[in-house]
């Protein structure tokens, strides 16, 4: 088995709310010494996928989140604030 790099690989995950994306995040979560999630993207075609993307963004404290469409972007912003509040962030402590 190869030796892990001295610093974790920075990962941008496209399609993070799909089956493969959620499995990839599970794998990354089990190997925090090897990977760091810095960006997430999803289509945002349903309210459930927008909510999941928001939860993932808060959970992984990513630098960048992308979603397709202006309406989905607005929904994502609201969902991120809701997910941050559920995650224990106080008002004003979580910024987009």
PDB file of N, CA and C in Angstrom:
ATOM      1  N   UNK A   1       0.851  -1.180   0.000  1.00  0.00           N
ATOM      2  CA  UNK A   1       0.000   0.000   0.000  1.00  0.00           C
ATOM      3  C   UNK A   1       0.892   1.239   0.000  1.00  0.00           C
ATOM      4  N   UNK A   2       0.600   2.214  -0.883  1.00  0.00           N
ATOM      5  CA  UNK A   2       1.447   3.407  -0.953  1.00  0.00           C
ATOM      6  C   UNK A   2       1.359   4.247   0.313  1.00  0.00           C
ATOM      7  N   UNK A   3       2.441   4.933   0.592  1.00  0.00           N
ATOM      8  CA  UNK A   3       2.477   5.831   1.738  1.00  0.00           C
ATOM      9  C   UNK A   3       1.656   7.074   1.429  1.00  0.00           C
ATOM     10  N   UNK A   4       0.773   7.492   2.370  1.00  0.00           N
ATOM     11  CA  UNK A   4      -0.021   8.694   2.112  1.00  0.00           C
ATOM     12  C   UNK A   4       0.870   9.925   2.007  1.00  0.00           C
ATOM     13  N   UNK A   5       0.461  10.893   1.191  1.00  0.00           N
ATOM     14  CA  UNK A   5       1.259  12.119   1.086  1.00  0.00           C
ATOM     15  C   UNK A   5       1.310  12.845   2.423  1.00  0.00           C
ATOM     16  N   UNK A   6       2.309  13.717   2.575  1.00  0.00           N
ATOM     17  CA  UNK A   6       2.469  14.423   3.845  1.00  0.00           C
ATOM     18  C   UNK A   6       1.313  15.366   4.128  1.00  0.00           C
ATOM     19  N   UNK A   7       0.675  15.882   3.098  1.00  0.00           N
ATOM     20  CA  UNK A   7      -0.502  16.724   3.305  1.00  0.00           C
ATOM     21  C   UNK A   7      -1.659  16.126   2.508  1.00  0.00           C
ATOM     22  N   UNK A   8      -2.881  16.273   3.019  1.00  0.00           N
ATOM     23  CA  UNK A   8      -4.031  15.665   2.337  1.00  0.00           C
ATOM     24  C   UNK A   8      -4.248  16.249   0.944  1.00  0.00           C
ATOM     25  N   UNK A   9      -4.739  15.413   0.054  1.00  0.00           N
ATOM     26  CA  UNK A   9      -5.104  15.876  -1.288  1.00  0.00           C
ATOM     27  C   UNK A   9      -6.362  16.714  -1.197  1.00  0.00           C
ATOM     28  N   UNK A  10      -6.365  17.822  -1.897  1.00  0.00           N
ATOM     29  CA  UNK A  10      -7.524  18.717  -1.923  1.00  0.00           C
ATOM     30  C   UNK A  10      -8.468  18.236  -3.022  1.00  0.00           C
ATOM     31  N   UNK A  11      -9.734  18.013  -2.660  1.00  0.00           N
ATOM     32  CA  UNK A  11     -10.703  17.410  -3.570  1.00  0.00           C
ATOM     33  C   UNK A  11     -11.855  18.372  -3.848  1.00  0.00           C
ATOM     34  N   UNK A  12     -12.208  18.509  -5.125  1.00  0.00           N
ATOM     35  CA  UNK A  12     -13.435  19.177  -5.545  1.00  0.00           C
ATOM     36  C   UNK A  12     -14.312  18.074  -6.117  1.00  0.00           C
ATOM     37  N   UNK A  13     -15.489  17.907  -5.546  1.00  0.00           N
ATOM     38  CA  UNK A  13     -16.359  16.796  -5.922  1.00  0.00           C
ATOM     39  C   UNK A  13     -17.550  17.298  -6.728  1.00  0.00           C
ATOM     40  N   UNK A  14     -17.626  16.878  -7.976  1.00  0.00           N
ATOM     41  CA  UNK A  14     -18.749  17.218  -8.841  1.00  0.00           C
ATOM     42  C   UNK A  14     -19.808  16.130  -8.694  1.00  0.00           C
ATOM     43  N   UNK A  15     -21.057  16.535  -8.577  1.00  0.00           N
ATOM     44  CA  UNK A  15     -22.127  15.555  -8.403  1.00  0.00           C
ATOM     45  C   UNK A  15     -22.157  14.990  -6.996  1.00  0.00           C
ATOM     46  N   UNK A  16     -21.909  15.831  -6.015  1.00  0.00           N
ATOM     47  CA  UNK A  16     -21.763  15.362  -4.630  1.00  0.00           C
ATOM     48  C   UNK A  16     -23.041  14.806  -4.020  1.00  0.00           C
ATOM     49  N   UNK A  17     -24.204  15.140  -4.571  1.00  0.00           N
ATOM     50  CA  UNK A  17     -25.461  14.663  -3.983  1.00  0.00           C
ATOM     51  C   UNK A  17     -25.938  13.352  -4.593  1.00  0.00           C
ATOM     52  N   UNK A  18     -25.287  12.897  -5.640  1.00  0.00           N
ATOM     53  CA  UNK A  18     -25.657  11.628  -6.267  1.00  0.00           C
ATOM     54  C   UNK A  18     -25.068  10.448  -5.513  1.00  0.00           C
ATOM     55  N   UNK A  19     -25.398   9.264  -5.972  1.00  0.00           N
ATOM     56  CA  UNK A  19     -24.945   8.036  -5.317  1.00  0.00           C
ATOM     57  C   UNK A  19     -23.421   7.950  -5.241  1.00  0.00           C
ATOM     58  N   UNK A  20     -22.761   8.182  -6.354  1.00  0.00           N
ATOM     59  CA  UNK A  20     -21.297   8.104  -6.368  1.00  0.00           C
ATOM     60  C   UNK A  20     -20.693   9.223  -5.533  1.00  0.00           C
ATOM     61  N   UNK A  21     -21.280  10.418  -5.604  1.00  0.00           N
ATOM     62  CA  UNK A  21     -20.779  11.542  -4.817  1.00  0.00           C
ATOM     63  C   UNK A  21     -20.876  11.307  -3.321  1.00  0.00           C
ATOM     64  N   UNK A  22     -22.011  10.782  -2.865  1.00  0.00           N
ATOM     65  CA  UNK A  22     -22.164  10.531  -1.426  1.00  0.00           C
ATOM     66  C   UNK A  22     -21.237   9.411  -0.969  1.00  0.00           C
ATOM     67  N   UNK A  23     -21.015   8.416  -1.841  1.00  0.00           N
ATOM     68  CA  UNK A  23     -20.067   7.350  -1.499  1.00  0.00           C
ATOM     69  C   UNK A  23     -18.643   7.890  -1.428  1.00  0.00           C
ATOM     70  N   UNK A  24     -18.313   8.796  -2.333  1.00  0.00           N
ATOM     71  CA  UNK A  24     -16.980   9.407  -2.312  1.00  0.00           C
ATOM     72  C   UNK A  24     -16.771  10.197  -1.022  1.00  0.00           C
ATOM     73  N   UNK A  25     -17.793  10.948  -0.595  1.00  0.00           N
ATOM     74  CA  UNK A  25     -17.680  11.704   0.658  1.00  0.00           C
ATOM     75  C   UNK A  25     -17.540  10.773   1.856  1.00  0.00           C
ATOM     76  N   UNK A  26     -18.224   9.635   1.812  1.00  0.00           N
ATOM     77  CA  UNK A  26     -18.085   8.647   2.885  1.00  0.00           C
ATOM     78  C   UNK A  26     -16.647   8.130   2.942  1.00  0.00           C
ATOM     79  N   UNK A  27     -16.087   7.820   1.792  1.00  0.00           N
ATOM     80  CA  UNK A  27     -14.704   7.349   1.717  1.00  0.00           C
ATOM     81  C   UNK A  27     -13.733   8.417   2.219  1.00  0.00           C
ATOM     82  N   UNK A  28     -13.949   9.650   1.795  1.00  0.00           N
ATOM     83  CA  UNK A  28     -13.098  10.759   2.234  1.00  0.00           C
ATOM     84  C   UNK A  28     -13.200  10.939   3.744  1.00  0.00           C
ATOM     85  N   UNK A  29     -14.413  10.816   4.276  1.00  0.00           N
ATOM     86  CA  UNK A  29     -14.617  10.953   5.719  1.00  0.00           C
ATOM     87  C   UNK A  29     -13.890   9.897   6.526  1.00  0.00           C
ATOM     88  N   UNK A  30     -13.693   8.730   5.926  1.00  0.00           N
ATOM     89  CA  UNK A  30     -12.963   7.657   6.608  1.00  0.00           C
ATOM     90  C   UNK A  30     -11.454   7.774   6.431  1.00  0.00           C
ATOM     91  N   UNK A  31     -11.021   8.741   5.634  1.00  0.00           N
ATOM     92  CA  UNK A  31      -9.589   8.940   5.375  1.00  0.00           C
ATOM     93  C   UNK A  31      -9.211  10.419   5.453  1.00  0.00           C
ATOM     94  N   UNK A  32      -9.484  11.065   6.593  1.00  0.00           N
ATOM     95  CA  UNK A  32      -9.222  12.509   6.697  1.00  0.00           C
ATOM     96  C   UNK A  32      -7.744  12.875   6.596  1.00  0.00           C
ATOM     97  N   UNK A  33      -6.869  11.921   6.851  1.00  0.00           N
ATOM     98  CA  UNK A  33      -5.437  12.186   6.729  1.00  0.00           C
ATOM     99  C   UNK A  33      -4.988  12.210   5.267  1.00  0.00           C
ATOM    100  N   UNK A  34      -5.828  11.686   4.375  1.00  0.00           N
ATOM    101  CA  UNK A  34      -5.458  11.605   2.962  1.00  0.00           C
ATOM    102  C   UNK A  34      -6.172  12.619   2.073  1.00  0.00           C
ATOM    103  N   UNK A  35      -7.372  13.085   2.511  1.00  0.00           N
ATOM    104  CA  UNK A  35      -8.180  13.955   1.655  1.00  0.00           C
ATOM    105  C   UNK A  35      -8.797  15.105   2.435  1.00  0.00           C
ATOM    106  N   UNK A  36      -8.949  16.247   1.760  1.00  0.00           N
ATOM    107  CA  UNK A  36      -9.676  17.399   2.282  1.00  0.00           C
ATOM    108  C   UNK A  36     -10.623  17.869   1.188  1.00  0.00           C
ATOM    109  N   UNK A  37     -11.900  17.991   1.521  1.00  0.00           N
ATOM    110  CA  UNK A  37     -12.876  18.467   0.542  1.00  0.00           C
ATOM    111  C   UNK A  37     -12.841  19.988   0.540  1.00  0.00           C
ATOM    112  N   UNK A  38     -12.579  20.574  -0.620  1.00  0.00           N
ATOM    113  CA  UNK A  38     -12.513  22.035  -0.727  1.00  0.00           C
ATOM    114  C   UNK A  38     -13.634  22.612  -1.581  1.00  0.00           C
ATOM    115  N   UNK A  39     -14.309  21.762  -2.355  1.00  0.00           N
ATOM    116  CA  UNK A  39     -15.392  22.251  -3.198  1.00  0.00           C
ATOM    117  C   UNK A  39     -16.399  21.171  -3.514  1.00  0.00           C
ATOM    118  N   UNK A  40     -17.655  21.586  -3.649  1.00  0.00           N
ATOM    119  CA  UNK A  40     -18.747  20.676  -3.984  1.00  0.00           C
ATOM    120  C   UNK A  40     -19.588  21.293  -5.089  1.00  0.00           C
ATOM    121  N   UNK A  41     -20.155  20.442  -5.934  1.00  0.00           N
ATOM    122  CA  UNK A  41     -21.069  20.911  -6.976  1.00  0.00           C
ATOM    123  C   UNK A  41     -22.151  19.873  -7.196  1.00  0.00           C
ATOM    124  N   UNK A  42     -23.349  20.361  -7.530  1.00  0.00           N
ATOM    125  CA  UNK A  42     -24.470  19.472  -7.832  1.00  0.00           C
ATOM    126  C   UNK A  42     -25.426  20.197  -8.760  1.00  0.00           C
ATOM    127  N   UNK A  43     -26.287  19.435  -9.411  1.00  0.00           N
ATOM    128  CA  UNK A  43     -27.247  20.020 -10.341  1.00  0.00           C
ATOM    129  C   UNK A  43     -28.298  20.861  -9.657  1.00  0.00           C
ATOM    130  N   UNK A  44     -28.728  20.452  -8.473  1.00  0.00           N
ATOM    131  CA  UNK A  44     -29.727  21.219  -7.740  1.00  0.00           C
ATOM    132  C   UNK A  44     -31.096  21.196  -8.381  1.00  0.00           C
ATOM    133  N   UNK A  45     -31.437  20.070  -9.012  1.00  0.00           N
ATOM    134  CA  UNK A  45     -32.705  20.001  -9.731  1.00  0.00           C
ATOM    135  C   UNK A  45     -33.906  19.755  -8.825  1.00  0.00           C
ATOM    136  N   UNK A  46     -33.663  19.335  -7.584  1.00  0.00           N
ATOM    137  CA  UNK A  46     -34.767  19.108  -6.648  1.00  0.00           C
ATOM    138  C   UNK A  46     -34.460  19.790  -5.320  1.00  0.00           C
ATOM    139  N   UNK A  47     -35.500  20.127  -4.557  1.00  0.00           N
ATOM    140  CA  UNK A  47     -35.260  20.715  -3.230  1.00  0.00           C
ATOM    141  C   UNK A  47     -34.442  19.789  -2.323  1.00  0.00           C
ATOM    142  N   UNK A  48     -34.648  18.475  -2.456  1.00  0.00           N
ATOM    143  CA  UNK A  48     -33.884  17.537  -1.630  1.00  0.00           C
ATOM    144  C   UNK A  48     -32.394  17.584  -1.954  1.00  0.00           C
ATOM    145  N   UNK A  49     -32.055  17.702  -3.238  1.00  0.00           N
ATOM    146  CA  UNK A  49     -30.635  17.748  -3.595  1.00  0.00           C
ATOM    147  C   UNK A  49     -29.997  19.059  -3.148  1.00  0.00           C
ATOM    148  N   UNK A  50     -30.752  20.146  -3.191  1.00  0.00           N
ATOM    149  CA  UNK A  50     -30.244  21.432  -2.705  1.00  0.00           C
ATOM    150  C   UNK A  50     -30.006  21.359  -1.200  1.00  0.00           C
ATOM    151  N   UNK A  51     -30.943  20.768  -0.469  1.00  0.00           N
ATOM    152  CA  UNK A  51     -30.797  20.634   0.984  1.00  0.00           C
ATOM    153  C   UNK A  51     -29.598  19.754   1.327  1.00  0.00           C
ATOM    154  N   UNK A  52     -29.423  18.657   0.596  1.00  0.00           N
ATOM    155  CA  UNK A  52     -28.286  17.772   0.847  1.00  0.00           C
ATOM    156  C   UNK A  52     -26.975  18.478   0.536  1.00  0.00           C
ATOM    157  N   UNK A  53     -26.920  19.214  -0.559  1.00  0.00           N
ATOM    158  CA  UNK A  53     -25.712  19.966  -0.905  1.00  0.00           C
ATOM    159  C   UNK A  53     -25.375  20.977   0.189  1.00  0.00           C
ATOM    160  N   UNK A  54     -26.380  21.630   0.730  1.00  0.00           N
ATOM    161  CA  UNK A  54     -26.162  22.589   1.820  1.00  0.00           C
ATOM    162  C   UNK A  54     -25.600  21.887   3.050  1.00  0.00           C
ATOM    163  N   UNK A  55     -26.169  20.739   3.399  1.00  0.00           N
ATOM    164  CA  UNK A  55     -25.668  19.981   4.552  1.00  0.00           C
ATOM    165  C   UNK A  55     -24.221  19.560   4.329  1.00  0.00           C
ATOM    166  N   UNK A  56     -23.915  19.116   3.119  1.00  0.00           N
ATOM    167  CA  UNK A  56     -22.544  18.717   2.800  1.00  0.00           C
ATOM    168  C   UNK A  56     -21.590  19.905   2.900  1.00  0.00           C
ATOM    169  N   UNK A  57     -22.015  21.057   2.404  1.00  0.00           N
ATOM    170  CA  UNK A  57     -21.165  22.250   2.431  1.00  0.00           C
ATOM    171  C   UNK A  57     -20.813  22.643   3.860  1.00  0.00           C
ATOM    172  N   UNK A  58     -21.802  22.567   4.742  1.00  0.00           N
ATOM    173  CA  UNK A  58     -21.564  22.906   6.146  1.00  0.00           C
ATOM    174  C   UNK A  58     -20.716  21.828   6.809  1.00  0.00           C
ATOM    175  N   UNK A  59     -21.042  20.576   6.574  1.00  0.00           N
ATOM    176  CA  UNK A  59     -20.318  19.456   7.194  1.00  0.00           C
ATOM    177  C   UNK A  59     -18.831  19.484   6.839  1.00  0.00           C
ATOM    178  N   UNK A  60     -18.531  19.756   5.570  1.00  0.00           N
ATOM    179  CA  UNK A  60     -17.150  19.713   5.110  1.00  0.00           C
ATOM    180  C   UNK A  60     -16.471  21.078   5.131  1.00  0.00           C
ATOM    181  N   UNK A  61     -17.211  22.128   5.479  1.00  0.00           N
ATOM    182  CA  UNK A  61     -16.662  23.497   5.544  1.00  0.00           C
ATOM    183  C   UNK A  61     -15.865  23.823   4.281  1.00  0.00           C
ATOM    184  N   UNK A  62     -16.508  23.612   3.138  1.00  0.00           N
ATOM    185  CA  UNK A  62     -15.828  23.792   1.856  1.00  0.00           C
ATOM    186  C   UNK A  62     -15.617  25.264   1.525  1.00  0.00           C
ATOM    187  N   UNK A  63     -14.661  25.512   0.652  1.00  0.00           N
ATOM    188  CA  UNK A  63     -14.364  26.870   0.207  1.00  0.00           C
ATOM    189  C   UNK A  63     -15.314  27.322  -0.899  1.00  0.00           C
ATOM    190  N   UNK A  64     -15.777  26.370  -1.721  1.00  0.00           N
ATOM    191  CA  UNK A  64     -16.592  26.693  -2.890  1.00  0.00           C
ATOM    192  C   UNK A  64     -17.741  25.697  -3.015  1.00  0.00           C
ATOM    193  N   UNK A  65     -18.936  26.232  -3.327  1.00  0.00           N
ATOM    194  CA  UNK A  65     -20.102  25.392  -3.612  1.00  0.00           C
ATOM    195  C   UNK A  65     -20.718  25.901  -4.906  1.00  0.00           C
ATOM    196  N   UNK A  66     -21.043  24.986  -5.808  1.00  0.00           N
ATOM    197  CA  UNK A  66     -21.647  25.380  -7.080  1.00  0.00           C
ATOM    198  C   UNK A  66     -22.910  24.576  -7.328  1.00  0.00           C
ATOM    199  N   UNK A  67     -23.886  25.256  -7.911  1.00  0.00           N
ATOM    200  CA  UNK A  67     -25.147  24.623  -8.267  1.00  0.00           C
ATOM    201  C   UNK A  67     -25.606  25.242  -9.581  1.00  0.00           C
ATOM    202  N   UNK A  68     -26.362  24.495 -10.358  1.00  0.00           N
ATOM    203  CA  UNK A  68     -26.801  24.969 -11.676  1.00  0.00           C
ATOM    204  C   UNK A  68     -28.100  25.757 -11.561  1.00  0.00           C
ATOM    205  N   UNK A  69     -28.098  26.981 -12.058  1.00  0.00           N
ATOM    206  CA  UNK A  69     -29.315  27.783 -12.137  1.00  0.00           C
ATOM    207  C   UNK A  69     -29.439  28.820 -11.045  1.00  0.00           C
ATOM    208  N   UNK A  70     -29.962  29.984 -11.417  1.00  0.00           N
ATOM    209  CA  UNK A  70     -30.107  31.093 -10.467  1.00  0.00           C
ATOM    210  C   UNK A  70     -31.090  30.759  -9.354  1.00  0.00           C
ATOM    211  N   UNK A  71     -32.189  30.109  -9.685  1.00  0.00           N
ATOM    212  CA  UNK A  71     -33.174  29.753  -8.663  1.00  0.00           C
ATOM    213  C   UNK A  71     -32.573  28.777  -7.665  1.00  0.00           C
ATOM    214  N   UNK A  72     -31.852  27.779  -8.164  1.00  0.00           N
ATOM    215  CA  UNK A  72     -31.215  26.803  -7.283  1.00  0.00           C
ATOM    216  C   UNK A  72     -30.167  27.474  -6.406  1.00  0.00           C
ATOM    217  N   UNK A  73     -29.468  28.476  -6.938  1.00  0.00           N
ATOM    218  CA  UNK A  73     -28.459  29.189  -6.152  1.00  0.00           C
ATOM    219  C   UNK A  73     -29.099  29.923  -4.982  1.00  0.00           C
ATOM    220  N   UNK A  74     -30.242  30.553  -5.221  1.00  0.00           N
ATOM    221  CA  UNK A  74     -30.951  31.240  -4.133  1.00  0.00           C
ATOM    222  C   UNK A  74     -31.443  30.234  -3.097  1.00  0.00           C
ATOM    223  N   UNK A  75     -31.984  29.118  -3.569  1.00  0.00           N
ATOM    224  CA  UNK A  75     -32.447  28.072  -2.652  1.00  0.00           C
ATOM    225  C   UNK A  75     -31.280  27.515  -1.847  1.00  0.00           C
ATOM    226  N   UNK A  76     -30.128  27.357  -2.505  1.00  0.00           N
ATOM    227  CA  UNK A  76     -28.944  26.838  -1.827  1.00  0.00           C
ATOM    228  C   UNK A  76     -28.492  27.777  -0.720  1.00  0.00           C
ATOM    229  N   UNK A  77     -28.497  29.069  -0.982  1.00  0.00           N
ATOM    230  CA  UNK A  77     -28.077  30.031   0.037  1.00  0.00           C
ATOM    231  C   UNK A  77     -28.953  29.911   1.282  1.00  0.00           C
ATOM    232  N   UNK A  78     -30.256  29.852   1.099  1.00  0.00           N
ATOM    233  CA  UNK A  78     -31.164  29.699   2.242  1.00  0.00           C
ATOM    234  C   UNK A  78     -30.947  28.365   2.939  1.00  0.00           C
ATOM    235  N   UNK A  79     -30.744  27.310   2.160  1.00  0.00           N
ATOM    236  CA  UNK A  79     -30.538  25.982   2.736  1.00  0.00           C
ATOM    237  C   UNK A  79     -29.232  25.909   3.519  1.00  0.00           C
ATOM    238  N   UNK A  80     -28.198  26.607   3.060  1.00  0.00           N
ATOM    239  CA  UNK A  80     -26.923  26.615   3.792  1.00  0.00           C
ATOM    240  C   UNK A  80     -27.099  27.298   5.144  1.00  0.00           C
ATOM    241  N   UNK A  81     -27.809  28.415   5.159  1.00  0.00           N
ATOM    242  CA  UNK A  81     -28.055  29.077   6.442  1.00  0.00           C
ATOM    243  C   UNK A  81     -28.833  28.164   7.387  1.00  0.00           C
ATOM    244  N   UNK A  82     -29.836  27.466   6.867  1.00  0.00           N
ATOM    245  CA  UNK A  82     -30.622  26.545   7.695  1.00  0.00           C
ATOM    246  C   UNK A  82     -29.756  25.398   8.197  1.00  0.00           C
ATOM    247  N   UNK A  83     -28.917  24.837   7.330  1.00  0.00           N
ATOM    248  CA  UNK A  83     -28.041  23.737   7.730  1.00  0.00           C
ATOM    249  C   UNK A  83     -27.013  24.199   8.755  1.00  0.00           C
ATOM    250  N   UNK A  84     -26.512  25.410   8.600  1.00  0.00           N
ATOM    251  CA  UNK A  84     -25.548  25.945   9.565  1.00  0.00           C
ATOM    252  C   UNK A  84     -26.201  26.112  10.929  1.00  0.00           C
ATOM    253  N   UNK A  85     -27.429  26.598  10.935  1.00  0.00           N
ATOM    254  CA  UNK A  85     -28.148  26.772  12.200  1.00  0.00           C
ATOM    255  C   UNK A  85     -28.372  25.418  12.865  1.00  0.00           C
ATOM    256  N   UNK A  86     -28.792  24.422  12.074  1.00  0.00           N
ATOM    257  CA  UNK A  86     -28.974  23.070  12.609  1.00  0.00           C
ATOM    258  C   UNK A  86     -27.660  22.494  13.112  1.00  0.00           C
ATOM    259  N   UNK A  87     -26.557  22.881  12.478  1.00  0.00           N
ATOM    260  CA  UNK A  87     -25.242  22.388  12.858  1.00  0.00           C
ATOM    261  C   UNK A  87     -24.656  23.069  14.081  1.00  0.00           C
ATOM    262  N   UNK A  88     -25.401  24.016  14.656  1.00  0.00           N
ATOM    263  CA  UNK A  88     -24.944  24.645  15.884  1.00  0.00           C
ATOM    264  C   UNK A  88     -24.240  25.973  15.707  1.00  0.00           C
ATOM    265  N   UNK A  89     -24.165  26.469  14.481  1.00  0.00           N
ATOM    266  CA  UNK A  89     -23.561  27.784  14.281  1.00  0.00           C
ATOM    267  C   UNK A  89     -24.509  28.846  14.811  1.00  0.00           C
ATOM    268  N   UNK A  90     -23.968  29.830  15.484  1.00  0.00           N
ATOM    269  CA  UNK A  90     -24.784  30.935  15.972  1.00  0.00           C
ATOM    270  C   UNK A  90     -24.981  31.950  14.858  1.00  0.00           C
ATOM    271  N   UNK A  91     -25.995  32.767  14.987  1.00  0.00           N
ATOM    272  CA  UNK A  91     -26.274  33.795  13.992  1.00  0.00           C
ATOM    273  C   UNK A  91     -25.042  34.667  13.792  1.00  0.00           C
ATOM    274  N   UNK A  92     -24.645  34.816  12.544  1.00  0.00           N
ATOM    275  CA  UNK A  92     -23.496  35.651  12.216  1.00  0.00           C
ATOM    276  C   UNK A  92     -22.163  34.940  12.244  1.00  0.00           C
ATOM    277  N   UNK A  93     -22.099  33.694  12.748  1.00  0.00           N
ATOM    278  CA  UNK A  93     -20.816  33.005  12.826  1.00  0.00           C
ATOM    279  C   UNK A  93     -20.518  32.183  11.577  1.00  0.00           C
ATOM    280  N   UNK A  94     -21.518  32.005  10.735  1.00  0.00           N
ATOM    281  CA  UNK A  94     -21.334  31.269   9.485  1.00  0.00           C
ATOM    282  C   UNK A  94     -21.617  32.223   8.342  1.00  0.00           C
ATOM    283  N   UNK A  95     -20.647  32.394   7.454  1.00  0.00           N
ATOM    284  CA  UNK A  95     -20.805  33.374   6.369  1.00  0.00           C
ATOM    285  C   UNK A  95     -20.631  32.706   5.025  1.00  0.00           C
ATOM    286  N   UNK A  96     -21.379  33.219   4.066  1.00  0.00           N
ATOM    287  CA  UNK A  96     -21.247  32.753   2.679  1.00  0.00           C
ATOM    288  C   UNK A  96     -20.280  33.646   1.943  1.00  0.00           C
TER     289      UNK A  96
END
